[in-house]
PDB file of N, CA and C in Angstrom:
ATOM      1  N   UNK A   1     225.242 149.119 161.578  1.00  0.00           N
ATOM      2  CA  UNK A   1     223.780 148.368 161.782  1.00  0.00           C
ATOM      3  C   UNK A   1     223.175 148.476 160.351  1.00  0.00           C
ATOM      4  N   UNK A   2     222.457 147.215 160.038  1.00  0.00           N
ATOM      5  CA  UNK A   2     221.977 147.705 158.647  1.00  0.00           C
ATOM      6  C   UNK A   2     220.439 148.271 158.851  1.00  0.00           C
ATOM      7  N   UNK A   3     220.310 149.291 158.127  1.00  0.00           N
ATOM      8  CA  UNK A   3     219.433 150.105 157.638  1.00  0.00           C
ATOM      9  C   UNK A   3     217.795 149.366 157.834  1.00  0.00           C
ATOM     10  N   UNK A   4     217.875 148.307 157.263  1.00  0.00           N
ATOM     11  CA  UNK A   4     216.329 147.364 157.321  1.00  0.00           C
ATOM     12  C   UNK A   4     216.062 146.968 158.763  1.00  0.00           C
ATOM     13  N   UNK A   5     217.069 146.859 159.655  1.00  0.00           N
ATOM     14  CA  UNK A   5     216.928 146.443 160.636  1.00  0.00           C
ATOM     15  C   UNK A   5     216.413 147.424 161.868  1.00  0.00           C
ATOM     16  N   UNK A   6     216.415 148.633 161.374  1.00  0.00           N
ATOM     17  CA  UNK A   6     216.435 149.831 162.184  1.00  0.00           C
ATOM     18  C   UNK A   6     214.288 149.663 162.480  1.00  0.00           C
ATOM     19  N   UNK A   7     214.012 149.899 163.652  1.00  0.00           N
ATOM     20  CA  UNK A   7     212.591 149.740 163.782  1.00  0.00           C
ATOM     21  C   UNK A   7     211.903 150.899 163.196  1.00  0.00           C
ATOM     22  N   UNK A   8     210.973 151.231 162.918  1.00  0.00           N
ATOM     23  CA  UNK A   8     210.210 152.076 162.826  1.00  0.00           C
ATOM     24  C   UNK A   8     209.492 152.886 163.692  1.00  0.00           C
ATOM     25  N   UNK A   9     209.105 152.433 164.417  1.00  0.00           N
ATOM     26  CA  UNK A   9     208.459 152.823 165.908  1.00  0.00           C
ATOM     27  C   UNK A   9     209.173 153.940 166.478  1.00  0.00           C
ATOM     28  N   UNK A  10     210.110 155.101 165.866  1.00  0.00           N
ATOM     29  CA  UNK A  10     210.667 155.849 166.732  1.00  0.00           C
ATOM     30  C   UNK A  10     210.391 157.110 165.864  1.00  0.00           C
ATOM     31  N   UNK A  11     209.105 157.164 165.354  1.00  0.00           N
ATOM     32  CA  UNK A  11     208.903 158.183 164.317  1.00  0.00           C
ATOM     33  C   UNK A  11     208.993 159.471 165.276  1.00  0.00           C
ATOM     34  N   UNK A  12     208.820 159.767 167.013  1.00  0.00           N
ATOM     35  CA  UNK A  12     208.687 160.932 167.435  1.00  0.00           C
ATOM     36  C   UNK A  12     209.930 161.843 167.585  1.00  0.00           C
ATOM     37  N   UNK A  13     211.126 160.494 167.476  1.00  0.00           N
ATOM     38  CA  UNK A  13     212.581 161.066 167.230  1.00  0.00           C
ATOM     39  C   UNK A  13     212.840 161.490 165.882  1.00  0.00           C
ATOM     40  N   UNK A  14     212.170 161.130 164.771  1.00  0.00           N
ATOM     41  CA  UNK A  14     212.694 161.587 163.685  1.00  0.00           C
ATOM     42  C   UNK A  14     211.662 162.610 163.484  1.00  0.00           C
ATOM     43  N   UNK A  15     210.563 163.290 164.535  1.00  0.00           N
ATOM     44  CA  UNK A  15     210.538 164.671 164.010  1.00  0.00           C
ATOM     45  C   UNK A  15     209.002 164.187 163.484  1.00  0.00           C
ATOM     46  N   UNK A  16     208.316 163.203 163.426  1.00  0.00           N
ATOM     47  CA  UNK A  16     207.361 163.004 162.556  1.00  0.00           C
ATOM     48  C   UNK A  16     206.129 163.042 163.755  1.00  0.00           C
ATOM     49  N   UNK A  17     205.285 164.163 164.041  1.00  0.00           N
ATOM     50  CA  UNK A  17     204.860 164.491 165.117  1.00  0.00           C
ATOM     51  C   UNK A  17     203.574 164.626 164.686  1.00  0.00           C
ATOM     52  N   UNK A  18     202.868 163.770 164.064  1.00  0.00           N
ATOM     53  CA  UNK A  18     201.428 163.376 163.523  1.00  0.00           C
ATOM     54  C   UNK A  18     201.231 162.186 164.092  1.00  0.00           C
ATOM     55  N   UNK A  19     201.915 161.115 164.440  1.00  0.00           N
ATOM     56  CA  UNK A  19     202.340 159.983 165.220  1.00  0.00           C
ATOM     57  C   UNK A  19     201.671 160.501 166.967  1.00  0.00           C
ATOM     58  N   UNK A  20     201.942 161.318 167.211  1.00  0.00           N
ATOM     59  CA  UNK A  20     202.241 162.356 168.479  1.00  0.00           C
ATOM     60  C   UNK A  20     200.682 161.719 169.447  1.00  0.00           C
ATOM     61  N   UNK A  21     199.947 161.525 168.855  1.00  0.00           N
ATOM     62  CA  UNK A  21     198.674 160.906 169.634  1.00  0.00           C
ATOM     63  C   UNK A  21     198.956 159.689 170.411  1.00  0.00           C
ATOM     64  N   UNK A  22     199.514 158.643 169.218  1.00  0.00           N
ATOM     65  CA  UNK A  22     199.767 157.498 169.596  1.00  0.00           C
ATOM     66  C   UNK A  22     200.865 157.561 170.909  1.00  0.00           C
ATOM     67  N   UNK A  23     201.769 158.189 170.975  1.00  0.00           N
ATOM     68  CA  UNK A  23     202.768 158.143 172.074  1.00  0.00           C
ATOM     69  C   UNK A  23     202.036 158.725 173.528  1.00  0.00           C
ATOM     70  N   UNK A  24     201.160 159.599 173.160  1.00  0.00           N
ATOM     71  CA  UNK A  24     200.296 160.116 174.422  1.00  0.00           C
ATOM     72  C   UNK A  24     199.185 159.306 175.395  1.00  0.00           C
ATOM     73  N   UNK A  25     198.530 158.444 174.405  1.00  0.00           N
ATOM     74  CA  UNK A  25     197.699 157.594 174.627  1.00  0.00           C
ATOM     75  C   UNK A  25     198.415 156.137 175.568  1.00  0.00           C
ATOM     76  N   UNK A  26     199.557 155.857 174.687  1.00  0.00           N
ATOM     77  CA  UNK A  26     200.449 154.788 175.784  1.00  0.00           C
ATOM     78  C   UNK A  26     200.947 155.810 176.838  1.00  0.00           C
ATOM     79  N   UNK A  27     201.440 156.537 176.809  1.00  0.00           N
ATOM     80  CA  UNK A  27     202.128 157.250 178.144  1.00  0.00           C
ATOM     81  C   UNK A  27     200.564 157.533 179.280  1.00  0.00           C
ATOM     82  N   UNK A  28     199.557 157.912 178.935  1.00  0.00           N
ATOM     83  CA  UNK A  28     198.790 158.019 179.457  1.00  0.00           C
ATOM     84  C   UNK A  28     198.114 156.250 180.514  1.00  0.00           C
ATOM     85  N   UNK A  29     198.372 155.442 179.520  1.00  0.00           N
ATOM     86  CA  UNK A  29     197.959 154.152 179.967  1.00  0.00           C
ATOM     87  C   UNK A  29     199.406 153.619 180.783  1.00  0.00           C
ATOM     88  N   UNK A  30     200.700 154.140 180.262  1.00  0.00           N
ATOM     89  CA  UNK A  30     201.480 153.425 181.398  1.00  0.00           C
ATOM     90  C   UNK A  30     201.816 154.132 182.817  1.00  0.00           C
ATOM     91  N   UNK A  31     201.506 155.510 182.708  1.00  0.00           N
ATOM     92  CA  UNK A  31     201.920 156.441 183.912  1.00  0.00           C
ATOM     93  C   UNK A  31     201.175 155.712 185.458  1.00  0.00           C
ATOM     94  N   UNK A  32     200.146 155.621 185.410  1.00  0.00           N
ATOM     95  CA  UNK A  32     199.208 155.296 186.644  1.00  0.00           C
ATOM     96  C   UNK A  32     200.108 153.636 187.184  1.00  0.00           C
ATOM     97  N   UNK A  33     200.310 152.626 186.217  1.00  0.00           N
ATOM     98  CA  UNK A  33     201.204 151.756 186.606  1.00  0.00           C
ATOM     99  C   UNK A  33     202.428 151.995 186.942  1.00  0.00           C
ATOM    100  N   UNK A  34     203.309 153.004 186.386  1.00  0.00           N
ATOM    101  CA  UNK A  34     204.648 153.271 187.106  1.00  0.00           C
ATOM    102  C   UNK A  34     204.442 153.683 188.379  1.00  0.00           C
ATOM    103  N   UNK A  35     203.664 154.814 188.514  1.00  0.00           N
ATOM    104  CA  UNK A  35     203.218 154.991 189.980  1.00  0.00           C
ATOM    105  C   UNK A  35     203.348 154.411 190.948  1.00  0.00           C
ATOM    106  N   UNK A  36     202.017 153.333 190.784  1.00  0.00           N
ATOM    107  CA  UNK A  36     201.734 152.164 191.333  1.00  0.00           C
ATOM    108  C   UNK A  36     202.743 151.594 191.874  1.00  0.00           C
ATOM    109  N   UNK A  37     203.747 151.045 191.429  1.00  0.00           N
ATOM    110  CA  UNK A  37     205.052 150.416 191.651  1.00  0.00           C
ATOM    111  C   UNK A  37     206.076 151.229 191.977  1.00  0.00           C
ATOM    112  N   UNK A  38     205.725 152.131 192.493  1.00  0.00           N
ATOM    113  CA  UNK A  38     206.916 153.549 192.804  1.00  0.00           C
ATOM    114  C   UNK A  38     207.981 153.576 191.952  1.00  0.00           C
ATOM    115  N   UNK A  39     207.921 153.605 190.567  1.00  0.00           N
ATOM    116  CA  UNK A  39     208.935 153.649 189.477  1.00  0.00           C
ATOM    117  C   UNK A  39     209.395 154.723 189.181  1.00  0.00           C
ATOM    118  N   UNK A  40     208.224 155.824 189.521  1.00  0.00           N
ATOM    119  CA  UNK A  40     208.392 157.296 188.861  1.00  0.00           C
ATOM    120  C   UNK A  40     209.358 157.643 190.665  1.00  0.00           C
ATOM    121  N   UNK A  41     209.333 157.309 191.395  1.00  0.00           N
ATOM    122  CA  UNK A  41     209.926 157.854 192.569  1.00  0.00           C
ATOM    123  C   UNK A  41     211.742 157.313 192.339  1.00  0.00           C
ATOM    124  N   UNK A  42     211.749 156.106 191.879  1.00  0.00           N
ATOM    125  CA  UNK A  42     213.117 155.473 191.921  1.00  0.00           C
ATOM    126  C   UNK A  42     213.586 156.290 190.506  1.00  0.00           C
ATOM    127  N   UNK A  43     212.920 156.774 189.554  1.00  0.00           N
ATOM    128  CA  UNK A  43     213.761 157.406 188.344  1.00  0.00           C
ATOM    129  C   UNK A  43     214.178 159.150 189.116  1.00  0.00           C
ATOM    130  N   UNK A  44     213.064 159.678 189.837  1.00  0.00           N
ATOM    131  CA  UNK A  44     213.498 160.944 190.427  1.00  0.00           C
ATOM    132  C   UNK A  44     214.904 160.926 191.224  1.00  0.00           C
ATOM    133  N   UNK A  45     214.702 159.716 192.019  1.00  0.00           N
ATOM    134  CA  UNK A  45     215.865 159.957 192.776  1.00  0.00           C
ATOM    135  C   UNK A  45     217.233 159.623 192.285  1.00  0.00           C
ATOM    136  N   UNK A  46     217.234 159.049 190.918  1.00  0.00           N
ATOM    137  CA  UNK A  46     218.606 158.349 190.361  1.00  0.00           C
ATOM    138  C   UNK A  46     218.583 159.868 189.625  1.00  0.00           C
ATOM    139  N   UNK A  47     217.564 160.590 188.901  1.00  0.00           N
ATOM    140  CA  UNK A  47     218.009 162.253 187.965  1.00  0.00           C
ATOM    141  C   UNK A  47     218.786 162.985 189.321  1.00  0.00           C
ATOM    142  N   UNK A  48     218.304 162.962 190.647  1.00  0.00           N
ATOM    143  CA  UNK A  48     218.808 163.880 191.464  1.00  0.00           C
ATOM    144  C   UNK A  48     220.295 163.548 191.734  1.00  0.00           C
ATOM    145  N   UNK A  49     220.415 161.835 191.803  1.00  0.00           N
ATOM    146  CA  UNK A  49     221.728 161.849 191.723  1.00  0.00           C
ATOM    147  C   UNK A  49     222.695 162.021 190.643  1.00  0.00           C
ATOM    148  N   UNK A  50     222.212 162.018 189.394  1.00  0.00           N
ATOM    149  CA  UNK A  50     223.004 162.605 188.573  1.00  0.00           C
ATOM    150  C   UNK A  50     223.194 164.040 188.312  1.00  0.00           C
ATOM    151  N   UNK A  51     222.220 164.931 188.543  1.00  0.00           N
ATOM    152  CA  UNK A  51     222.437 165.893 189.026  1.00  0.00           C
ATOM    153  C   UNK A  51     223.647 166.605 189.916  1.00  0.00           C
ATOM    154  N   UNK A  52     223.809 165.751 191.016  1.00  0.00           N
ATOM    155  CA  UNK A  52     224.618 166.094 191.942  1.00  0.00           C
ATOM    156  C   UNK A  52     226.014 165.568 191.645  1.00  0.00           C
ATOM    157  N   UNK A  53     225.952 164.736 190.356  1.00  0.00           N
ATOM    158  CA  UNK A  53     227.519 164.209 190.289  1.00  0.00           C
ATOM    159  C   UNK A  53     227.718 165.374 188.710  1.00  0.00           C
ATOM    160  N   UNK A  54     226.873 166.477 188.402  1.00  0.00           N
ATOM    161  CA  UNK A  54     227.432 166.916 187.634  1.00  0.00           C
ATOM    162  C   UNK A  54     226.791 166.567 186.121  1.00  0.00           C
ATOM    163  N   UNK A  55     225.786 165.866 186.154  1.00  0.00           N
ATOM    164  CA  UNK A  55     225.326 165.153 184.661  1.00  0.00           C
ATOM    165  C   UNK A  55     224.191 166.003 184.766  1.00  0.00           C
ATOM    166  N   UNK A  56     223.571 165.879 183.263  1.00  0.00           N
ATOM    167  CA  UNK A  56     222.193 165.988 183.024  1.00  0.00           C
ATOM    168  C   UNK A  56     221.181 165.484 183.719  1.00  0.00           C
ATOM    169  N   UNK A  57     219.852 165.696 183.620  1.00  0.00           N
ATOM    170  CA  UNK A  57     218.831 164.895 184.741  1.00  0.00           C
ATOM    171  C   UNK A  57     218.497 163.705 183.820  1.00  0.00           C
ATOM    172  N   UNK A  58     218.521 163.765 182.556  1.00  0.00           N
ATOM    173  CA  UNK A  58     218.373 162.445 181.735  1.00  0.00           C
ATOM    174  C   UNK A  58     219.599 161.792 181.015  1.00  0.00           C
ATOM    175  N   UNK A  59     220.591 162.426 181.225  1.00  0.00           N
ATOM    176  CA  UNK A  59     222.221 161.500 180.611  1.00  0.00           C
ATOM    177  C   UNK A  59     221.861 160.488 181.748  1.00  0.00           C
ATOM    178  N   UNK A  60     221.851 160.132 182.723  1.00  0.00           N
ATOM    179  CA  UNK A  60     221.995 158.582 183.311  1.00  0.00           C
ATOM    180  C   UNK A  60     221.339 157.504 182.806  1.00  0.00           C
ATOM    181  N   UNK A  61     220.318 158.049 182.066  1.00  0.00           N
ATOM    182  CA  UNK A  61     219.607 157.109 181.099  1.00  0.00           C
ATOM    183  C   UNK A  61     220.730 156.367 180.139  1.00  0.00           C
ATOM    184  N   UNK A  62     221.399 157.084 179.585  1.00  0.00           N
ATOM    185  CA  UNK A  62     222.603 156.545 179.025  1.00  0.00           C
ATOM    186  C   UNK A  62     223.748 155.624 179.588  1.00  0.00           C
ATOM    187  N   UNK A  63     223.595 155.674 181.060  1.00  0.00           N
ATOM    188  CA  UNK A  63     224.589 155.036 181.674  1.00  0.00           C
ATOM    189  C   UNK A  63     224.100 153.467 181.901  1.00  0.00           C
ATOM    190  N   UNK A  64     222.652 153.543 181.496  1.00  0.00           N
ATOM    191  CA  UNK A  64     221.984 151.850 182.141  1.00  0.00           C
ATOM    192  C   UNK A  64     222.184 151.104 181.204  1.00  0.00           C
TER     193      UNK A  64
END
């Protein structure tokens, strides 16, 4: 992958915590929508299945 093609919006991953408030604001806006559409329930079910299969809670995301 060419460096110039890497998106700059992943600063939280690069440990640039001064941008944390932006992520928190975005999450606050999105969470009610996800609950309304039962998306959170589906994710919780998938995490339970992943744990039963011996995977970590969040490793199933890499399988998607």
